[in-house]
Protein backbone atom coordinates (compact mmCIF):
# COMPACT_ATOMS: atom_id res chain seq x y z
CA UNK A 1 0.00 0.00 0.00
CA UNK A 2 1.24 3.49 -0.83
CA UNK A 3 0.71 6.33 1.62
CA UNK A 4 -0.75 9.22 -0.34
CA UNK A 5 -0.69 12.94 0.27
CA UNK A 6 -2.01 15.80 -1.79
CA UNK A 7 1.25 15.86 -3.76
CA UNK A 8 1.71 12.12 -4.24
CA UNK A 9 -0.25 9.63 -6.34
CA UNK A 10 -2.43 6.89 -4.86
CA UNK A 11 -0.44 4.23 -6.72
CA UNK A 12 3.04 3.51 -8.05
CA UNK A 13 2.70 3.84 -11.85
CA UNK A 14 6.02 2.07 -12.39
CA UNK A 15 4.40 -1.14 -11.10
CA UNK A 16 1.80 -1.08 -13.90
CA UNK A 17 3.25 -3.40 -16.53
CA UNK A 18 0.11 -4.22 -18.52
CA UNK A 19 -0.35 -2.55 -21.92
CA UNK A 20 -1.94 0.83 -21.17
CA UNK A 21 -3.89 3.38 -23.18
CA UNK A 22 -4.46 6.81 -21.65
CA UNK A 23 -7.31 8.75 -23.26
CA UNK A 24 -7.81 12.43 -22.52
CA UNK A 25 -10.23 15.02 -23.78
CA UNK A 26 -8.58 17.99 -25.48
CA UNK A 27 -10.61 20.43 -23.37
CA UNK A 28 -10.44 18.50 -20.07
CA UNK A 29 -10.21 21.18 -17.34
CA UNK A 30 -8.83 18.78 -14.70
CA UNK A 31 -6.34 16.35 -16.29
CA UNK A 32 -3.96 18.54 -18.27
CA UNK A 33 -1.60 17.27 -20.95
CA UNK A 34 1.52 17.65 -18.78
CA UNK A 35 -0.01 15.52 -16.01
CA UNK A 36 -1.09 12.86 -18.50
CA UNK A 37 2.36 12.81 -20.10
CA UNK A 38 3.99 12.46 -16.67
CA UNK A 39 1.74 9.47 -15.95
CA UNK A 40 2.60 7.91 -19.31
CA UNK A 41 6.33 8.40 -18.66
CA UNK A 42 6.04 6.85 -15.19
CA UNK A 43 4.25 3.68 -16.34
CA UNK A 44 6.28 0.47 -16.15
CA UNK A 45 4.68 -0.94 -19.30
CA UNK A 46 6.67 -1.19 -22.53
CA UNK A 47 3.40 -0.90 -24.45
CA UNK A 48 1.75 2.43 -23.66
CA UNK A 49 0.14 5.27 -25.54
CA UNK A 50 -1.45 8.66 -24.81
CA UNK A 51 -4.26 9.76 -27.13
CA UNK A 52 -6.01 13.14 -27.04
CA UNK A 53 -9.52 13.25 -28.46
PDB file of N, CA and C in Angstrom:
ATOM      1  N   UNK A   1       0.845  -1.176   0.000  1.00  0.00           N
ATOM      2  CA  UNK A   1       0.000   0.000   0.000  1.00  0.00           C
ATOM      3  C   UNK A   1       0.887   1.235   0.000  1.00  0.00           C
ATOM      4  N   UNK A   2       0.476   2.248  -0.726  1.00  0.00           N
ATOM      5  CA  UNK A   2       1.236   3.489  -0.832  1.00  0.00           C
ATOM      6  C   UNK A   2       0.527   4.559  -0.019  1.00  0.00           C
ATOM      7  N   UNK A   3       1.266   5.206   0.863  1.00  0.00           N
ATOM      8  CA  UNK A   3       0.707   6.328   1.618  1.00  0.00           C
ATOM      9  C   UNK A   3       0.589   7.511   0.672  1.00  0.00           C
ATOM     10  N   UNK A   4      -0.584   8.121   0.600  1.00  0.00           N
ATOM     11  CA  UNK A   4      -0.748   9.221  -0.338  1.00  0.00           C
ATOM     12  C   UNK A   4      -0.959  10.531   0.395  1.00  0.00           C
ATOM     13  N   UNK A   5      -0.465  11.572  -0.214  1.00  0.00           N
ATOM     14  CA  UNK A   5      -0.687  12.936   0.267  1.00  0.00           C
ATOM     15  C   UNK A   5      -1.228  13.719  -0.912  1.00  0.00           C
ATOM     16  N   UNK A   6      -1.490  14.968  -0.701  1.00  0.00           N
ATOM     17  CA  UNK A   6      -2.013  15.796  -1.790  1.00  0.00           C
ATOM     18  C   UNK A   6      -1.053  15.849  -2.972  1.00  0.00           C
ATOM     19  N   UNK A   7       0.251  15.748  -2.699  1.00  0.00           N
ATOM     20  CA  UNK A   7       1.254  15.860  -3.756  1.00  0.00           C
ATOM     21  C   UNK A   7       1.755  14.517  -4.287  1.00  0.00           C
ATOM     22  N   UNK A   8       1.239  13.416  -3.765  1.00  0.00           N
ATOM     23  CA  UNK A   8       1.710  12.116  -4.238  1.00  0.00           C
ATOM     24  C   UNK A   8       0.545  11.307  -4.797  1.00  0.00           C
ATOM     25  N   UNK A   9       0.827  10.441  -5.751  1.00  0.00           N
ATOM     26  CA  UNK A   9      -0.248   9.628  -6.336  1.00  0.00           C
ATOM     27  C   UNK A   9      -0.727   8.555  -5.370  1.00  0.00           C
ATOM     28  N   UNK A  10      -1.857   7.962  -5.671  1.00  0.00           N
ATOM     29  CA  UNK A  10      -2.430   6.894  -4.860  1.00  0.00           C
ATOM     30  C   UNK A  10      -1.872   5.533  -5.247  1.00  0.00           C
ATOM     31  N   UNK A  11      -0.990   5.491  -6.223  1.00  0.00           N
ATOM     32  CA  UNK A  11      -0.440   4.231  -6.715  1.00  0.00           C
ATOM     33  C   UNK A  11       0.949   4.497  -7.279  1.00  0.00           C
ATOM     34  N   UNK A  12       1.702   3.435  -7.467  1.00  0.00           N
ATOM     35  CA  UNK A  12       3.040   3.514  -8.049  1.00  0.00           C
ATOM     36  C   UNK A  12       2.925   3.112  -9.515  1.00  0.00           C
ATOM     37  N   UNK A  13       2.912   4.094 -10.422  1.00  0.00           N
ATOM     38  CA  UNK A  13       2.705   3.842 -11.847  1.00  0.00           C
ATOM     39  C   UNK A  13       3.778   2.923 -12.430  1.00  0.00           C
ATOM     40  N   UNK A  14       4.949   2.922 -11.856  1.00  0.00           N
ATOM     41  CA  UNK A  14       6.021   2.073 -12.394  1.00  0.00           C
ATOM     42  C   UNK A  14       5.708   0.585 -12.207  1.00  0.00           C
ATOM     43  N   UNK A  15       4.776   0.261 -11.327  1.00  0.00           N
ATOM     44  CA  UNK A  15       4.396  -1.139 -11.097  1.00  0.00           C
ATOM     45  C   UNK A  15       3.327  -1.609 -12.080  1.00  0.00           C
ATOM     46  N   UNK A  16       2.796  -0.711 -12.881  1.00  0.00           N
ATOM     47  CA  UNK A  16       1.800  -1.081 -13.895  1.00  0.00           C
ATOM     48  C   UNK A  16       2.550  -1.534 -15.132  1.00  0.00           C
ATOM     49  N   UNK A  17       2.478  -2.836 -15.412  1.00  0.00           N
ATOM     50  CA  UNK A  17       3.251  -3.395 -16.531  1.00  0.00           C
ATOM     51  C   UNK A  17       2.357  -3.894 -17.659  1.00  0.00           C
ATOM     52  N   UNK A  18       1.051  -3.815 -17.471  1.00  0.00           N
ATOM     53  CA  UNK A  18       0.113  -4.224 -18.521  1.00  0.00           C
ATOM     54  C   UNK A  18       0.090  -3.159 -19.619  1.00  0.00           C
ATOM     55  N   UNK A  19      -0.180  -3.548 -20.863  1.00  0.00           N
ATOM     56  CA  UNK A  19      -0.346  -2.552 -21.922  1.00  0.00           C
ATOM     57  C   UNK A  19      -1.392  -1.518 -21.489  1.00  0.00           C
ATOM     58  N   UNK A  20      -1.093  -0.243 -21.703  1.00  0.00           N
ATOM     59  CA  UNK A  20      -1.936   0.830 -21.170  1.00  0.00           C
ATOM     60  C   UNK A  20      -2.213   1.890 -22.220  1.00  0.00           C
ATOM     61  N   UNK A  21      -3.470   2.285 -22.312  1.00  0.00           N
ATOM     62  CA  UNK A  21      -3.890   3.381 -23.181  1.00  0.00           C
ATOM     63  C   UNK A  21      -4.483   4.463 -22.294  1.00  0.00           C
ATOM     64  N   UNK A  22      -3.927   5.663 -22.374  1.00  0.00           N
ATOM     65  CA  UNK A  22      -4.461   6.812 -21.645  1.00  0.00           C
ATOM     66  C   UNK A  22      -5.206   7.670 -22.651  1.00  0.00           C
ATOM     67  N   UNK A  23      -6.490   7.875 -22.412  1.00  0.00           N
ATOM     68  CA  UNK A  23      -7.309   8.746 -23.256  1.00  0.00           C
ATOM     69  C   UNK A  23      -7.603  10.019 -22.489  1.00  0.00           C
ATOM     70  N   UNK A  24      -7.477  11.160 -23.158  1.00  0.00           N
ATOM     71  CA  UNK A  24      -7.809  12.428 -22.518  1.00  0.00           C
ATOM     72  C   UNK A  24      -8.585  13.284 -23.492  1.00  0.00           C
ATOM     73  N   UNK A  25      -9.482  14.081 -22.957  1.00  0.00           N
ATOM     74  CA  UNK A  25     -10.225  15.023 -23.776  1.00  0.00           C
ATOM     75  C   UNK A  25      -9.404  16.291 -23.960  1.00  0.00           C
ATOM     76  N   UNK A  26      -9.383  16.802 -25.164  1.00  0.00           N
ATOM     77  CA  UNK A  26      -8.583  17.989 -25.476  1.00  0.00           C
ATOM     78  C   UNK A  26      -8.923  19.176 -24.571  1.00  0.00           C
ATOM     79  N   UNK A  27     -10.171  19.289 -24.184  1.00  0.00           N
ATOM     80  CA  UNK A  27     -10.609  20.431 -23.366  1.00  0.00           C
ATOM     81  C   UNK A  27     -10.876  20.042 -21.913  1.00  0.00           C
ATOM     82  N   UNK A  28     -10.267  18.954 -21.448  1.00  0.00           N
ATOM     83  CA  UNK A  28     -10.442  18.499 -20.066  1.00  0.00           C
ATOM     84  C   UNK A  28      -9.870  19.556 -19.119  1.00  0.00           C
ATOM     85  N   UNK A  29     -10.696  20.123 -18.237  1.00  0.00           N
ATOM     86  CA  UNK A  29     -10.213  21.177 -17.341  1.00  0.00           C
ATOM     87  C   UNK A  29      -9.455  20.649 -16.126  1.00  0.00           C
ATOM     88  N   UNK A  30      -9.454  19.331 -15.913  1.00  0.00           N
ATOM     89  CA  UNK A  30      -8.830  18.780 -14.705  1.00  0.00           C
ATOM     90  C   UNK A  30      -7.514  18.064 -15.018  1.00  0.00           C
ATOM     91  N   UNK A  31      -7.541  17.122 -15.953  1.00  0.00           N
ATOM     92  CA  UNK A  31      -6.339  16.351 -16.291  1.00  0.00           C
ATOM     93  C   UNK A  31      -5.652  17.022 -17.477  1.00  0.00           C
ATOM     94  N   UNK A  32      -4.624  17.819 -17.179  1.00  0.00           N
ATOM     95  CA  UNK A  32      -3.957  18.538 -18.270  1.00  0.00           C
ATOM     96  C   UNK A  32      -2.933  17.635 -18.976  1.00  0.00           C
ATOM     97  N   UNK A  33      -2.501  18.073 -20.120  1.00  0.00           N
ATOM     98  CA  UNK A  33      -1.599  17.267 -20.952  1.00  0.00           C
ATOM     99  C   UNK A  33      -0.298  16.952 -20.227  1.00  0.00           C
ATOM    100  N   UNK A  34       0.263  17.899 -19.499  1.00  0.00           N
ATOM    101  CA  UNK A  34       1.522  17.653 -18.784  1.00  0.00           C
ATOM    102  C   UNK A  34       1.362  16.546 -17.746  1.00  0.00           C
ATOM    103  N   UNK A  35       0.247  16.558 -17.009  1.00  0.00           N
ATOM    104  CA  UNK A  35      -0.007  15.517 -16.010  1.00  0.00           C
ATOM    105  C   UNK A  35      -0.169  14.158 -16.676  1.00  0.00           C
ATOM    106  N   UNK A  36      -0.898  14.127 -17.787  1.00  0.00           N
ATOM    107  CA  UNK A  36      -1.093  12.865 -18.499  1.00  0.00           C
ATOM    108  C   UNK A  36       0.223  12.342 -19.054  1.00  0.00           C
ATOM    109  N   UNK A  37       1.059  13.229 -19.564  1.00  0.00           N
ATOM    110  CA  UNK A  37       2.355  12.812 -20.099  1.00  0.00           C
ATOM    111  C   UNK A  37       3.248  12.291 -18.978  1.00  0.00           C
ATOM    112  N   UNK A  38       3.199  12.922 -17.819  1.00  0.00           N
ATOM    113  CA  UNK A  38       3.989  12.459 -16.674  1.00  0.00           C
ATOM    114  C   UNK A  38       3.550  11.057 -16.256  1.00  0.00           C
ATOM    115  N   UNK A  39       2.244  10.807 -16.265  1.00  0.00           N
ATOM    116  CA  UNK A  39       1.738   9.465 -15.953  1.00  0.00           C
ATOM    117  C   UNK A  39       2.233   8.464 -16.981  1.00  0.00           C
ATOM    118  N   UNK A  40       2.138   8.798 -18.246  1.00  0.00           N
ATOM    119  CA  UNK A  40       2.602   7.906 -19.308  1.00  0.00           C
ATOM    120  C   UNK A  40       4.085   7.583 -19.120  1.00  0.00           C
ATOM    121  N   UNK A  41       4.884   8.596 -18.846  1.00  0.00           N
ATOM    122  CA  UNK A  41       6.325   8.396 -18.662  1.00  0.00           C
ATOM    123  C   UNK A  41       6.629   7.520 -17.446  1.00  0.00           C
ATOM    124  N   UNK A  42       5.792   7.599 -16.419  1.00  0.00           N
ATOM    125  CA  UNK A  42       6.035   6.850 -15.187  1.00  0.00           C
ATOM    126  C   UNK A  42       5.604   5.385 -15.267  1.00  0.00           C
ATOM    127  N   UNK A  43       4.750   5.049 -16.227  1.00  0.00           N
ATOM    128  CA  UNK A  43       4.252   3.675 -16.339  1.00  0.00           C
ATOM    129  C   UNK A  43       5.395   2.693 -16.576  1.00  0.00           C
ATOM    130  N   UNK A  44       5.270   1.511 -15.984  1.00  0.00           N
ATOM    131  CA  UNK A  44       6.280   0.473 -16.153  1.00  0.00           C
ATOM    132  C   UNK A  44       6.089  -0.353 -17.409  1.00  0.00           C
ATOM    133  N   UNK A  45       4.989  -0.163 -18.100  1.00  0.00           N
ATOM    134  CA  UNK A  45       4.683  -0.936 -19.300  1.00  0.00           C
ATOM    135  C   UNK A  45       5.557  -0.512 -20.475  1.00  0.00           C
ATOM    136  N   UNK A  46       5.956  -1.492 -21.284  1.00  0.00           N
ATOM    137  CA  UNK A  46       6.671  -1.187 -22.527  1.00  0.00           C
ATOM    138  C   UNK A  46       5.697  -0.807 -23.631  1.00  0.00           C
ATOM    139  N   UNK A  47       4.433  -1.178 -23.456  1.00  0.00           N
ATOM    140  CA  UNK A  47       3.401  -0.903 -24.452  1.00  0.00           C
ATOM    141  C   UNK A  47       2.416   0.099 -23.846  1.00  0.00           C
ATOM    142  N   UNK A  48       2.584   1.367 -24.232  1.00  0.00           N
ATOM    143  CA  UNK A  48       1.753   2.425 -23.660  1.00  0.00           C
ATOM    144  C   UNK A  48       1.570   3.546 -24.675  1.00  0.00           C
ATOM    145  N   UNK A  49       0.432   4.223 -24.575  1.00  0.00           N
ATOM    146  CA  UNK A  49       0.144   5.274 -25.540  1.00  0.00           C
ATOM    147  C   UNK A  49      -0.785   6.302 -24.900  1.00  0.00           C
ATOM    148  N   UNK A  50      -0.590   7.560 -25.245  1.00  0.00           N
ATOM    149  CA  UNK A  50      -1.447   8.659 -24.813  1.00  0.00           C
ATOM    150  C   UNK A  50      -2.141   9.208 -26.049  1.00  0.00           C
ATOM    151  N   UNK A  51      -3.472   9.265 -26.001  1.00  0.00           N
ATOM    152  CA  UNK A  51      -4.259   9.759 -27.128  1.00  0.00           C
ATOM    153  C   UNK A  51      -5.148  10.899 -26.637  1.00  0.00           C
ATOM    154  N   UNK A  52      -5.120  12.010 -27.333  1.00  0.00           N
ATOM    155  CA  UNK A  52      -6.015  13.138 -27.035  1.00  0.00           C
ATOM    156  C   UNK A  52      -7.134  13.146 -28.071  1.00  0.00           C
ATOM    157  N   UNK A  53      -8.370  13.224 -27.565  1.00  0.00           N
ATOM    158  CA  UNK A  53      -9.524  13.246 -28.464  1.00  0.00           C
ATOM    159  C   UNK A  53     -10.278  14.552 -28.309  1.00  0.00           C
TER     160      UNK A  53
END
